[in-house]
Amino acid sequence: MERTVHHLLTTKGTEVHSIRSDVKVIDALAILADKNIGAVVVVDDGELVGILSERDYARKVILKGRASHSTSVADIMTPDPVTIGLSATLTDCMTMMTEHRFRHLPVVDDGELVGVISIGDVVSGVIDDQRFLIEQLESYITG
């Protein structure tokens, strides 16, 4: 049985780093660096309104000559991010991430943000699933 997002979050944890949309980009970058993450969700008044990734920064600040100290997160975030539910499989996640070309996916349950998964989390989960399957097959063959 393929693992789900729920299983992945059980292993990874559900800690979510978020910022408000009115925060300056420099402060968002500090969070990314401090937490060693590639994206942070943007939450205003308890509602998921966007996601800000290193890619957003590179393309919408650096390449456009903007200043990180004066540009707000709202100006460069990806608004209304695609989300995924707890019952989705890891294959569902990989498919969605590949089709939309992003590396971070907010997880929502009953309208509430409950986690964020990265492509690294998904790949790690798939590798673990394959390792388990190989062990089971080896045990069956030799048993």
N, C-alpha and C. Protein backbone atom coordinates (compact mmCIF):
# COMPACT_ATOMS: atom_id res chain seq x y z
N MET A 1 0.84 -1.19 0.00
CA MET A 1 0.00 0.00 0.00
C MET A 1 0.89 1.25 0.00
N GLU A 2 0.62 2.12 -0.91
CA GLU A 2 1.41 3.34 -1.02
C GLU A 2 1.07 4.30 0.13
N ARG A 3 2.11 4.92 0.65
CA ARG A 3 1.91 5.86 1.74
C ARG A 3 1.20 7.12 1.26
N THR A 4 0.59 7.79 2.21
CA THR A 4 -0.15 9.02 1.93
C THR A 4 0.57 10.22 2.53
N VAL A 5 0.06 11.39 2.23
CA VAL A 5 0.58 12.62 2.81
C VAL A 5 0.46 12.56 4.33
N HIS A 6 -0.61 11.98 4.82
CA HIS A 6 -0.79 11.84 6.27
C HIS A 6 0.36 11.06 6.89
N HIS A 7 0.73 9.93 6.25
CA HIS A 7 1.86 9.13 6.74
C HIS A 7 3.16 9.93 6.69
N LEU A 8 3.34 10.66 5.61
CA LEU A 8 4.56 11.47 5.45
C LEU A 8 4.67 12.51 6.55
N LEU A 9 3.57 13.20 6.84
CA LEU A 9 3.59 14.22 7.89
C LEU A 9 3.76 13.62 9.28
N THR A 10 3.28 12.40 9.46
CA THR A 10 3.46 11.72 10.74
C THR A 10 4.95 11.50 11.01
N THR A 11 5.68 11.16 9.96
CA THR A 11 7.13 10.94 10.08
C THR A 11 7.88 12.27 10.13
N LYS A 12 7.55 13.17 9.22
CA LYS A 12 8.28 14.43 9.07
C LYS A 12 7.94 15.42 10.18
N GLY A 13 6.69 15.46 10.56
CA GLY A 13 6.21 16.45 11.50
C GLY A 13 5.35 17.47 10.78
N THR A 14 4.62 18.23 11.57
CA THR A 14 3.66 19.16 10.99
C THR A 14 4.01 20.63 11.24
N GLU A 15 5.22 20.88 11.67
CA GLU A 15 5.61 22.26 11.92
C GLU A 15 5.55 23.05 10.61
N VAL A 16 4.87 24.19 10.67
CA VAL A 16 4.71 25.04 9.49
C VAL A 16 5.30 26.41 9.80
N HIS A 17 6.20 26.87 8.95
CA HIS A 17 6.76 28.21 9.09
C HIS A 17 5.96 29.11 8.15
N SER A 18 5.44 30.19 8.72
CA SER A 18 4.62 31.08 7.90
C SER A 18 4.98 32.53 8.18
N ILE A 19 4.57 33.38 7.24
CA ILE A 19 4.76 34.82 7.37
C ILE A 19 3.49 35.51 6.88
N ARG A 20 3.36 36.76 7.18
CA ARG A 20 2.25 37.57 6.67
C ARG A 20 2.65 38.19 5.34
N SER A 21 1.68 38.56 4.56
CA SER A 21 1.96 39.12 3.23
C SER A 21 2.54 40.53 3.30
N ASP A 22 2.37 41.22 4.42
CA ASP A 22 2.90 42.58 4.53
C ASP A 22 4.35 42.64 5.02
N VAL A 23 4.93 41.49 5.29
CA VAL A 23 6.32 41.41 5.75
C VAL A 23 7.24 41.74 4.57
N LYS A 24 8.36 42.36 4.87
CA LYS A 24 9.34 42.66 3.82
C LYS A 24 10.07 41.38 3.41
N VAL A 25 10.46 41.33 2.16
CA VAL A 25 11.13 40.15 1.60
C VAL A 25 12.39 39.81 2.38
N ILE A 26 13.13 40.79 2.83
CA ILE A 26 14.37 40.52 3.58
C ILE A 26 14.09 39.69 4.83
N ASP A 27 12.95 39.95 5.48
CA ASP A 27 12.58 39.19 6.68
C ASP A 27 12.17 37.76 6.33
N ALA A 28 11.52 37.61 5.19
CA ALA A 28 11.16 36.27 4.73
C ALA A 28 12.42 35.47 4.41
N LEU A 29 13.40 36.12 3.78
CA LEU A 29 14.66 35.45 3.46
C LEU A 29 15.38 35.01 4.73
N ALA A 30 15.29 35.82 5.77
CA ALA A 30 15.91 35.46 7.04
C ALA A 30 15.28 34.20 7.61
N ILE A 31 13.97 34.05 7.47
CA ILE A 31 13.28 32.85 7.94
C ILE A 31 13.73 31.64 7.12
N LEU A 32 13.79 31.80 5.80
CA LEU A 32 14.23 30.69 4.94
C LEU A 32 15.64 30.23 5.34
N ALA A 33 16.52 31.19 5.57
CA ALA A 33 17.90 30.85 5.93
C ALA A 33 17.97 30.23 7.32
N ASP A 34 17.27 30.83 8.28
CA ASP A 34 17.31 30.36 9.66
C ASP A 34 16.75 28.95 9.80
N LYS A 35 15.67 28.67 9.09
CA LYS A 35 15.01 27.37 9.18
C LYS A 35 15.53 26.37 8.15
N ASN A 36 16.42 26.83 7.27
CA ASN A 36 17.00 25.99 6.23
C ASN A 36 15.90 25.35 5.35
N ILE A 37 14.99 26.20 4.90
CA ILE A 37 13.88 25.76 4.06
C ILE A 37 13.89 26.55 2.76
N GLY A 38 13.23 26.02 1.74
CA GLY A 38 13.22 26.65 0.43
C GLY A 38 11.98 27.45 0.13
N ALA A 39 10.97 27.36 1.01
CA ALA A 39 9.73 28.10 0.80
C ALA A 39 9.04 28.29 2.14
N VAL A 40 8.23 29.33 2.20
CA VAL A 40 7.46 29.60 3.40
C VAL A 40 6.04 29.97 2.96
N VAL A 41 5.05 29.48 3.72
CA VAL A 41 3.67 29.80 3.37
C VAL A 41 3.32 31.19 3.89
N VAL A 42 2.43 31.84 3.18
CA VAL A 42 1.99 33.18 3.54
C VAL A 42 0.57 33.07 4.08
N VAL A 43 0.39 33.50 5.33
CA VAL A 43 -0.89 33.36 6.02
C VAL A 43 -1.29 34.72 6.57
N ASP A 44 -2.47 35.18 6.18
CA ASP A 44 -3.04 36.42 6.70
C ASP A 44 -4.33 36.10 7.43
N ASP A 45 -4.43 36.53 8.67
CA ASP A 45 -5.64 36.31 9.48
C ASP A 45 -6.07 34.84 9.47
N GLY A 46 -5.09 33.94 9.59
CA GLY A 46 -5.38 32.52 9.67
C GLY A 46 -5.69 31.85 8.34
N GLU A 47 -5.62 32.59 7.24
CA GLU A 47 -5.95 32.04 5.93
C GLU A 47 -4.71 31.95 5.05
N LEU A 48 -4.52 30.82 4.41
CA LEU A 48 -3.42 30.63 3.46
C LEU A 48 -3.70 31.48 2.23
N VAL A 49 -2.82 32.45 1.97
CA VAL A 49 -3.02 33.36 0.83
C VAL A 49 -1.93 33.23 -0.22
N GLY A 50 -0.82 32.55 0.11
CA GLY A 50 0.25 32.43 -0.86
C GLY A 50 1.38 31.57 -0.34
N ILE A 51 2.39 31.46 -1.17
CA ILE A 51 3.62 30.77 -0.80
C ILE A 51 4.77 31.56 -1.43
N LEU A 52 5.85 31.67 -0.70
CA LEU A 52 7.02 32.39 -1.18
C LEU A 52 8.20 31.42 -1.20
N SER A 53 8.79 31.26 -2.39
CA SER A 53 9.92 30.34 -2.54
C SER A 53 11.17 31.11 -2.93
N GLU A 54 12.29 30.42 -2.82
CA GLU A 54 13.54 31.01 -3.29
C GLU A 54 13.45 31.36 -4.77
N ARG A 55 12.71 30.56 -5.51
CA ARG A 55 12.52 30.82 -6.94
C ARG A 55 11.77 32.14 -7.15
N ASP A 56 10.75 32.39 -6.34
CA ASP A 56 10.03 33.67 -6.43
C ASP A 56 10.99 34.83 -6.20
N TYR A 57 11.84 34.68 -5.20
CA TYR A 57 12.81 35.73 -4.89
C TYR A 57 13.76 35.97 -6.06
N ALA A 58 14.30 34.88 -6.59
CA ALA A 58 15.28 35.01 -7.68
C ALA A 58 14.66 35.66 -8.91
N ARG A 59 13.45 35.28 -9.22
CA ARG A 59 12.83 35.77 -10.46
C ARG A 59 12.13 37.11 -10.32
N LYS A 60 11.63 37.41 -9.12
CA LYS A 60 10.80 38.60 -8.98
C LYS A 60 11.46 39.73 -8.21
N VAL A 61 12.60 39.45 -7.60
CA VAL A 61 13.34 40.51 -6.92
C VAL A 61 14.68 40.72 -7.62
N ILE A 62 15.51 39.71 -7.61
CA ILE A 62 16.86 39.85 -8.17
C ILE A 62 16.82 40.22 -9.65
N LEU A 63 16.10 39.44 -10.43
CA LEU A 63 16.10 39.68 -11.88
C LEU A 63 15.37 40.97 -12.28
N LYS A 64 14.50 41.46 -11.41
CA LYS A 64 13.77 42.69 -11.73
C LYS A 64 14.37 43.92 -11.06
N GLY A 65 15.49 43.73 -10.37
CA GLY A 65 16.17 44.86 -9.76
C GLY A 65 15.45 45.48 -8.57
N ARG A 66 14.61 44.72 -7.92
CA ARG A 66 13.90 45.21 -6.74
C ARG A 66 14.81 45.12 -5.51
N ALA A 67 14.40 45.81 -4.46
CA ALA A 67 15.15 45.78 -3.20
C ALA A 67 14.41 44.93 -2.17
N SER A 68 15.13 44.01 -1.55
CA SER A 68 14.53 43.11 -0.56
C SER A 68 14.04 43.85 0.67
N HIS A 69 14.66 44.99 0.98
CA HIS A 69 14.28 45.74 2.18
C HIS A 69 12.99 46.54 1.99
N SER A 70 12.63 46.83 0.77
CA SER A 70 11.44 47.66 0.54
C SER A 70 10.31 46.93 -0.18
N THR A 71 10.55 45.72 -0.65
CA THR A 71 9.52 44.95 -1.35
C THR A 71 8.80 44.06 -0.35
N SER A 72 7.49 44.04 -0.41
CA SER A 72 6.73 43.18 0.51
C SER A 72 6.53 41.80 -0.11
N VAL A 73 6.31 40.85 0.76
CA VAL A 73 6.07 39.47 0.34
C VAL A 73 4.89 39.42 -0.62
N ALA A 74 3.85 40.20 -0.38
CA ALA A 74 2.66 40.21 -1.24
C ALA A 74 3.01 40.52 -2.69
N ASP A 75 4.05 41.31 -2.89
CA ASP A 75 4.44 41.72 -4.25
C ASP A 75 5.09 40.60 -5.06
N ILE A 76 5.63 39.59 -4.38
CA ILE A 76 6.37 38.56 -5.13
C ILE A 76 5.90 37.13 -4.86
N MET A 77 5.02 36.93 -3.88
CA MET A 77 4.58 35.57 -3.55
C MET A 77 3.75 34.99 -4.69
N THR A 78 3.62 33.69 -4.68
CA THR A 78 2.69 33.01 -5.56
C THR A 78 1.36 32.97 -4.83
N PRO A 79 0.35 33.69 -5.32
CA PRO A 79 -0.92 33.73 -4.60
C PRO A 79 -1.73 32.46 -4.81
N ASP A 80 -2.64 32.21 -3.88
CA ASP A 80 -3.55 31.07 -3.97
C ASP A 80 -2.84 29.79 -4.39
N PRO A 81 -1.91 29.32 -3.58
CA PRO A 81 -1.14 28.14 -3.98
C PRO A 81 -1.99 26.89 -4.09
N VAL A 82 -1.56 26.00 -4.97
CA VAL A 82 -2.17 24.69 -5.08
C VAL A 82 -1.88 23.96 -3.78
N THR A 83 -2.86 23.25 -3.26
CA THR A 83 -2.69 22.50 -2.01
C THR A 83 -3.03 21.03 -2.26
N ILE A 84 -2.74 20.22 -1.26
CA ILE A 84 -3.05 18.79 -1.34
C ILE A 84 -3.61 18.36 0.00
N GLY A 85 -4.40 17.30 -0.01
CA GLY A 85 -5.02 16.78 1.21
C GLY A 85 -4.23 15.64 1.83
N LEU A 86 -4.61 15.29 3.03
CA LEU A 86 -3.91 14.25 3.78
C LEU A 86 -4.02 12.86 3.16
N SER A 87 -5.09 12.60 2.43
CA SER A 87 -5.30 11.25 1.87
C SER A 87 -4.60 11.05 0.53
N ALA A 88 -4.01 12.09 -0.03
CA ALA A 88 -3.31 11.96 -1.31
C ALA A 88 -2.10 11.05 -1.16
N THR A 89 -1.80 10.30 -2.21
CA THR A 89 -0.64 9.42 -2.19
C THR A 89 0.62 10.19 -2.57
N LEU A 90 1.76 9.57 -2.33
CA LEU A 90 3.02 10.19 -2.73
C LEU A 90 3.10 10.33 -4.24
N THR A 91 2.53 9.38 -4.96
CA THR A 91 2.47 9.48 -6.42
C THR A 91 1.64 10.70 -6.83
N ASP A 92 0.52 10.92 -6.14
CA ASP A 92 -0.30 12.11 -6.41
C ASP A 92 0.53 13.38 -6.23
N CYS A 93 1.32 13.42 -5.17
CA CYS A 93 2.16 14.58 -4.89
C CYS A 93 3.19 14.80 -5.99
N MET A 94 3.87 13.72 -6.38
CA MET A 94 4.89 13.83 -7.43
C MET A 94 4.27 14.29 -8.74
N THR A 95 3.11 13.76 -9.06
CA THR A 95 2.43 14.15 -10.28
C THR A 95 2.07 15.63 -10.26
N MET A 96 1.50 16.08 -9.16
CA MET A 96 1.10 17.48 -9.04
C MET A 96 2.32 18.41 -9.09
N MET A 97 3.36 18.04 -8.37
CA MET A 97 4.56 18.88 -8.35
C MET A 97 5.22 18.94 -9.72
N THR A 98 5.22 17.82 -10.43
CA THR A 98 5.82 17.78 -11.76
C THR A 98 4.99 18.59 -12.76
N GLU A 99 3.68 18.41 -12.74
CA GLU A 99 2.81 19.12 -13.67
C GLU A 99 2.88 20.63 -13.49
N HIS A 100 2.92 21.07 -12.23
CA HIS A 100 2.90 22.51 -11.93
C HIS A 100 4.29 23.12 -11.77
N ARG A 101 5.31 22.26 -11.78
CA ARG A 101 6.70 22.71 -11.67
C ARG A 101 6.99 23.49 -10.39
N PHE A 102 6.56 22.94 -9.26
CA PHE A 102 6.96 23.53 -7.99
C PHE A 102 7.46 22.44 -7.06
N ARG A 103 8.16 22.90 -6.01
CA ARG A 103 8.86 21.96 -5.12
C ARG A 103 8.28 21.89 -3.72
N HIS A 104 7.29 22.73 -3.44
CA HIS A 104 6.69 22.78 -2.10
C HIS A 104 5.18 22.78 -2.23
N LEU A 105 4.54 22.03 -1.36
CA LEU A 105 3.11 21.84 -1.46
C LEU A 105 2.47 21.96 -0.07
N PRO A 106 1.65 22.99 0.13
CA PRO A 106 0.93 23.10 1.41
C PRO A 106 -0.11 21.99 1.52
N VAL A 107 -0.25 21.47 2.72
CA VAL A 107 -1.21 20.40 3.00
C VAL A 107 -2.36 21.00 3.80
N VAL A 108 -3.57 20.79 3.29
CA VAL A 108 -4.76 21.36 3.91
C VAL A 108 -5.74 20.24 4.26
N ASP A 109 -6.31 20.33 5.46
CA ASP A 109 -7.31 19.37 5.90
C ASP A 109 -8.50 20.15 6.44
N ASP A 110 -9.66 19.93 5.87
CA ASP A 110 -10.88 20.66 6.25
C ASP A 110 -10.66 22.17 6.26
N GLY A 111 -9.96 22.66 5.24
CA GLY A 111 -9.73 24.09 5.11
C GLY A 111 -8.63 24.66 6.00
N GLU A 112 -7.99 23.80 6.78
CA GLU A 112 -6.94 24.25 7.70
C GLU A 112 -5.57 23.79 7.21
N LEU A 113 -4.61 24.69 7.22
CA LEU A 113 -3.23 24.37 6.86
C LEU A 113 -2.64 23.49 7.95
N VAL A 114 -2.22 22.27 7.57
CA VAL A 114 -1.71 21.33 8.57
C VAL A 114 -0.26 20.92 8.33
N GLY A 115 0.34 21.39 7.25
CA GLY A 115 1.72 21.05 6.97
C GLY A 115 2.16 21.53 5.61
N VAL A 116 3.44 21.35 5.34
CA VAL A 116 4.01 21.65 4.03
C VAL A 116 4.97 20.52 3.72
N ILE A 117 4.88 20.00 2.51
CA ILE A 117 5.82 18.96 2.10
C ILE A 117 6.63 19.47 0.92
N SER A 118 7.85 18.98 0.85
CA SER A 118 8.75 19.36 -0.25
C SER A 118 8.95 18.16 -1.16
N ILE A 119 9.49 18.42 -2.31
CA ILE A 119 9.80 17.32 -3.23
C ILE A 119 10.79 16.36 -2.58
N GLY A 120 11.69 16.88 -1.77
CA GLY A 120 12.64 16.03 -1.05
C GLY A 120 11.93 15.09 -0.08
N ASP A 121 10.89 15.58 0.59
CA ASP A 121 10.11 14.73 1.49
C ASP A 121 9.44 13.61 0.71
N VAL A 122 8.88 13.97 -0.44
CA VAL A 122 8.17 12.99 -1.26
C VAL A 122 9.13 11.93 -1.79
N VAL A 123 10.25 12.37 -2.32
CA VAL A 123 11.24 11.42 -2.85
C VAL A 123 11.74 10.50 -1.75
N SER A 124 12.01 11.05 -0.59
CA SER A 124 12.46 10.24 0.54
C SER A 124 11.40 9.20 0.91
N GLY A 125 10.14 9.59 0.90
CA GLY A 125 9.06 8.66 1.19
C GLY A 125 8.96 7.55 0.16
N VAL A 126 9.12 7.90 -1.10
CA VAL A 126 9.08 6.90 -2.18
C VAL A 126 10.24 5.92 -2.03
N ILE A 127 11.41 6.43 -1.72
CA ILE A 127 12.58 5.56 -1.52
C ILE A 127 12.34 4.61 -0.36
N ASP A 128 11.78 5.13 0.74
CA ASP A 128 11.47 4.27 1.88
C ASP A 128 10.47 3.18 1.50
N ASP A 129 9.45 3.56 0.73
CA ASP A 129 8.45 2.57 0.28
C ASP A 129 9.10 1.49 -0.57
N GLN A 130 9.98 1.90 -1.48
CA GLN A 130 10.65 0.94 -2.35
C GLN A 130 11.58 0.03 -1.56
N ARG A 131 12.28 0.61 -0.60
CA ARG A 131 13.17 -0.19 0.24
C ARG A 131 12.38 -1.26 1.00
N PHE A 132 11.23 -0.86 1.54
CA PHE A 132 10.38 -1.80 2.27
C PHE A 132 9.89 -2.92 1.34
N LEU A 133 9.46 -2.54 0.15
CA LEU A 133 8.98 -3.53 -0.82
C LEU A 133 10.09 -4.52 -1.20
N ILE A 134 11.28 -4.01 -1.42
CA ILE A 134 12.42 -4.88 -1.76
C ILE A 134 12.70 -5.84 -0.61
N GLU A 135 12.67 -5.36 0.61
CA GLU A 135 12.91 -6.23 1.77
C GLU A 135 11.84 -7.32 1.86
N GLN A 136 10.60 -6.93 1.61
CA GLN A 136 9.51 -7.92 1.65
C GLN A 136 9.68 -8.98 0.56
N LEU A 137 10.05 -8.54 -0.63
CA LEU A 137 10.25 -9.49 -1.74
C LEU A 137 11.44 -10.42 -1.46
N GLU A 138 12.52 -9.85 -0.92
CA GLU A 138 13.67 -10.68 -0.58
C GLU A 138 13.31 -11.70 0.49
N SER A 139 12.54 -11.27 1.46
CA SER A 139 12.10 -12.18 2.52
C SER A 139 11.20 -13.28 1.97
N TYR A 140 10.34 -12.93 1.06
CA TYR A 140 9.45 -13.91 0.42
C TYR A 140 10.24 -14.93 -0.38
N ILE A 141 11.20 -14.42 -1.15
CA ILE A 141 12.00 -15.29 -2.03
C ILE A 141 12.88 -16.23 -1.20
N THR A 142 13.50 -15.72 -0.15
CA THR A 142 14.42 -16.55 0.65
C THR A 142 13.72 -17.30 1.76
N GLY A 143 12.49 -16.92 2.06
CA GLY A 143 11.78 -17.51 3.21
C GLY A 143 11.13 -18.78 2.91
